C-alpha cells in the first residue's frame, strides 16, 4: 500500500529530504494515512498468530486478546518486528504532530492494536514494545477521560506493567531510563486522569 511505502521512506535523519517528504505525504493523507498505518500494524501483529484485534476485525473497545505467538517461525517474528520497527515510530509521529490523528487511530481500533504489541506472549523485541508505549503515551496524553477509561478497560495497566518487567530490561542501559519513563508516564495518564 501507499502508506507502507511512505512509512518505509521515513527515517530519523533530519537531513533526509525523502524522509521529510514521505512524512508530509502521510500527514497530508490525514484520516486515510492514520487508518492505513493502524491496519498495517494490526496485520503485522496478526501474522504472529491469531486474528486481528482492531475495530475492522471484530475487536475494538473491551477486547484485547493475546495472539499467543506459539510456534511462530523465527523468520516470521523477525519480519514482523522489522515491519513494526518502521511503522510504529511513523504512527507515533503522526499522533504527536497532527491534531486529528488520535481520534482516527482510536476509531480504527488503534488502542487495542497498540496494546497487543505490549503483550509479552507475542514474540517481539523490547524496543518494538517501547515504540508502542510511546504511541500509546501520545494517544492518551491530554485526551478524553473516555479514551483513558477505554485503555484501562482493555487491560492497559497490566500490559504496561509486563512491559516494564520484560521489555525494558532487554534494552541497553542508556535506553532503559527513557523507556521506563515512557511506561510510567503512560500509567500516570491512565491513573491520575481516572481518579
Protein backbone atom coordinates (compact mmCIF):
# COMPACT_ATOMS: atom_id res chain seq x y z
CA UNK A 1 0.00 0.00 0.00
CA UNK A 2 1.00 3.63 -0.35
CA UNK A 3 1.15 4.04 3.44
CA UNK A 4 3.62 1.14 3.72
CA UNK A 5 5.86 2.61 1.01
CA UNK A 6 5.76 6.08 2.56
CA UNK A 7 6.40 4.72 6.09
CA UNK A 8 9.41 2.77 4.79
CA UNK A 9 10.91 6.01 3.49
CA UNK A 10 10.65 7.81 6.85
CA UNK A 11 13.87 7.87 8.88
CA UNK A 12 15.23 9.65 11.96
CA UNK A 13 17.73 11.56 9.82
CA UNK A 14 16.82 15.26 9.98
CA UNK A 15 18.77 15.91 6.76
CA UNK A 16 16.95 13.23 4.74
CA UNK A 17 14.70 15.16 2.34
CA UNK A 18 12.99 11.99 1.07
CA UNK A 19 12.10 11.09 4.65
CA UNK A 20 10.67 14.55 5.30
CA UNK A 21 8.63 14.40 2.09
CA UNK A 22 7.29 10.93 2.90
CA UNK A 23 6.17 12.04 6.36
CA UNK A 24 4.49 15.17 4.92
CA UNK A 25 2.66 12.96 2.40
CA UNK A 26 1.44 10.66 5.17
CA UNK A 27 0.32 13.67 7.20
CA UNK A 28 -1.49 15.04 4.14
CA UNK A 29 -3.39 11.76 3.83
CA UNK A 30 -4.89 12.66 7.24
CA UNK A 31 -7.51 10.08 8.26
CA UNK A 32 -6.68 7.67 5.43
CA UNK A 33 -2.98 7.65 6.32
CA UNK A 34 -3.61 7.07 10.04
CA UNK A 35 -6.16 4.34 9.30
CA UNK A 36 -3.81 2.64 6.86
CA UNK A 37 -0.91 2.68 9.33
CA UNK A 38 -3.13 1.34 12.12
CA UNK A 39 -4.34 -1.50 9.90
CA UNK A 40 -0.79 -2.30 8.74
CA UNK A 41 0.31 -2.58 12.40
CA UNK A 42 -2.71 -4.78 13.15
CA UNK A 43 -1.89 -7.03 10.18
CA UNK A 44 1.74 -7.29 11.24
CA UNK A 45 0.91 -8.34 14.81
CA UNK A 46 -1.72 -10.75 13.49
CA UNK A 47 0.97 -12.57 11.49
CA UNK A 48 2.35 -13.74 14.83
CA UNK A 49 -0.76 -15.85 15.31
CA UNK A 50 -4.46 -15.30 15.85
CA UNK A 51 -6.75 -12.81 14.20
CA UNK A 52 -6.55 -9.05 14.25
CA UNK A 53 -7.98 -7.23 17.23
CA UNK A 54 -8.73 -3.81 15.75
CA UNK A 55 -12.20 -2.48 15.08
CA UNK A 56 -12.08 -3.72 11.48
CA UNK A 57 -11.59 -7.33 12.59
CA UNK A 58 -14.26 -7.53 15.27
CA UNK A 59 -12.16 -6.36 18.22
CA UNK A 60 -12.38 -2.83 19.46
CA UNK A 61 -13.30 -1.46 22.86
CA UNK A 62 -13.18 -4.04 25.63
CA UNK A 63 -11.32 -6.62 23.58
CA UNK A 64 -7.58 -7.19 23.55
CA UNK A 65 -6.73 -10.83 23.15
CA UNK A 66 -3.27 -12.25 23.00
CA UNK A 67 -2.29 -13.73 19.70
CA UNK A 68 0.00 -16.10 21.62
CA UNK A 69 2.86 -16.45 19.21
CA UNK A 70 3.42 -20.13 19.92
CA UNK A 71 5.10 -21.90 17.05
CA UNK A 72 5.85 -18.74 15.07
CA UNK A 73 8.93 -19.34 12.91
CA UNK A 74 11.83 -17.05 13.89
CA UNK A 75 11.98 -15.61 10.36
CA UNK A 76 8.32 -14.54 10.56
CA UNK A 77 8.82 -12.99 14.02
CA UNK A 78 11.88 -11.10 12.73
CA UNK A 79 9.97 -9.88 9.66
CA UNK A 80 7.07 -8.65 11.81
CA UNK A 81 9.49 -6.92 14.20
CA UNK A 82 11.13 -5.16 11.23
CA UNK A 83 7.72 -4.03 9.92
CA UNK A 84 6.69 -2.71 13.32
CA UNK A 85 10.09 -1.05 13.75
CA UNK A 86 9.24 1.04 10.66
CA UNK A 87 5.51 1.57 11.22
CA UNK A 88 5.24 2.36 14.94
CA UNK A 89 7.53 5.42 15.00
CA UNK A 90 5.72 6.86 11.99
CA UNK A 91 2.29 6.39 13.57
CA UNK A 92 3.63 7.88 16.80
CA UNK A 93 4.99 10.87 14.89
CA UNK A 94 1.62 11.45 13.26
CA UNK A 95 -0.22 11.19 16.59
CA UNK A 96 2.25 13.62 18.15
CA UNK A 97 2.30 16.21 15.36
CA UNK A 98 -1.15 16.05 13.73
CA UNK A 99 -4.13 17.12 15.84
CA UNK A 100 -6.80 15.00 14.13
CA UNK A 101 -4.89 11.73 14.02
CA UNK A 102 -5.61 10.45 17.57
CA UNK A 103 -9.40 10.14 17.09
CA UNK A 104 -8.84 8.40 13.76
CA UNK A 105 -6.40 5.92 15.27
CA UNK A 106 -8.85 5.23 18.08
CA UNK A 107 -11.77 4.75 15.66
CA UNK A 108 -9.66 2.30 13.66
CA UNK A 109 -9.16 0.16 16.78
CA UNK A 110 -5.65 1.51 17.27
CA UNK A 111 -5.74 1.46 21.05
CA UNK A 112 -6.35 -2.31 21.09
CA UNK A 113 -3.80 -2.85 18.31
CA UNK A 114 -1.05 -0.93 20.14
CA UNK A 115 -1.81 -2.72 23.40
CA UNK A 116 -1.42 -6.10 21.66
CA UNK A 117 2.18 -5.13 20.88
CA UNK A 118 2.82 -4.90 24.65
CA UNK A 119 1.64 -8.45 25.34
CA UNK A 120 4.75 -10.41 26.33
CA UNK A 121 3.25 -13.60 24.89
CA UNK A 122 3.65 -12.03 21.44
CA UNK A 123 7.27 -12.68 20.34
CA UNK A 124 8.63 -9.16 19.80
CA UNK A 125 11.84 -7.44 20.89
CA UNK A 126 11.72 -4.95 23.75
CA UNK A 127 12.47 -1.89 21.61
CA UNK A 128 9.40 -2.57 19.45
CA UNK A 129 7.19 -2.75 22.54
CA UNK A 130 8.64 0.54 23.79
CA UNK A 131 7.80 2.19 20.44
CA UNK A 132 4.19 1.12 21.02
CA UNK A 133 4.37 2.62 24.53
CA UNK A 134 5.42 5.97 23.05
CA UNK A 135 2.46 5.89 20.65
CA UNK A 136 0.10 4.96 23.50
CA UNK A 137 1.54 7.73 25.65
CA UNK A 138 0.86 10.32 22.95
CA UNK A 139 -2.54 8.84 22.14
CA UNK A 140 -3.72 9.13 25.77
CA UNK A 141 -1.90 12.32 26.78
CA UNK A 142 -4.32 15.16 27.36
CA UNK A 143 -7.07 13.27 25.61
CA UNK A 144 -10.53 12.49 26.88
CA UNK A 145 -11.30 10.60 30.05
CA UNK A 146 -13.35 8.29 27.84
CA UNK A 147 -10.22 7.29 25.89
CA UNK A 148 -8.26 6.72 29.09
CA UNK A 149 -11.12 4.64 30.54
CA UNK A 150 -11.16 2.60 27.33
CA UNK A 151 -7.43 1.92 27.65
CA UNK A 152 -7.93 0.75 31.23
CA UNK A 153 -10.84 -1.50 30.19
CA UNK A 154 -8.60 -3.04 27.51
CA UNK A 155 -6.11 -4.10 30.17
CA UNK A 156 -3.52 -1.37 29.65
CA UNK A 157 -2.34 -1.30 33.26
CA UNK A 158 -1.23 -4.96 33.50
CA UNK A 159 0.17 -4.84 29.96
CA UNK A 160 2.33 -1.81 30.72
CA UNK A 161 3.49 -3.47 33.94
CA UNK A 162 4.54 -6.52 31.90
CA UNK A 163 6.36 -4.21 29.51
CA UNK A 164 8.27 -2.64 32.40
CA UNK A 165 9.27 -6.04 33.76
CA UNK A 166 10.04 -7.85 30.50
CA UNK A 167 10.67 -5.39 27.65
CA UNK A 168 12.56 -2.51 29.26
CA UNK A 169 15.37 -4.76 30.65
CA UNK A 170 16.01 -6.02 27.07
CA UNK A 171 17.23 -2.55 26.09
CA UNK A 172 20.73 -1.25 26.58
CA UNK A 173 21.35 0.66 29.78
CA UNK A 174 21.14 4.07 28.07
CA UNK A 175 17.70 3.35 26.60
CA UNK A 176 16.21 1.80 29.74
CA UNK A 177 15.65 5.10 31.56
CA UNK A 178 13.76 6.73 28.71
CA UNK A 179 11.71 3.58 28.11
CA UNK A 180 10.81 3.22 31.80
CA UNK A 181 9.85 6.91 31.93
CA UNK A 182 7.51 6.48 28.94
CA UNK A 183 5.88 3.49 30.67
CA UNK A 184 5.43 5.42 33.91
CA UNK A 185 4.04 8.49 32.14
CA UNK A 186 1.56 6.29 30.27
CA UNK A 187 0.47 4.82 33.61
CA UNK A 188 0.14 8.32 35.03
CA UNK A 189 -2.08 9.31 32.08
CA UNK A 190 -4.37 6.40 32.93
CA UNK A 191 -4.31 6.56 36.72
CA UNK A 192 -4.25 10.26 37.52
CA UNK A 193 -6.80 11.23 34.92
CA UNK A 194 -9.18 8.48 36.02
CA UNK A 195 -9.09 9.10 39.78
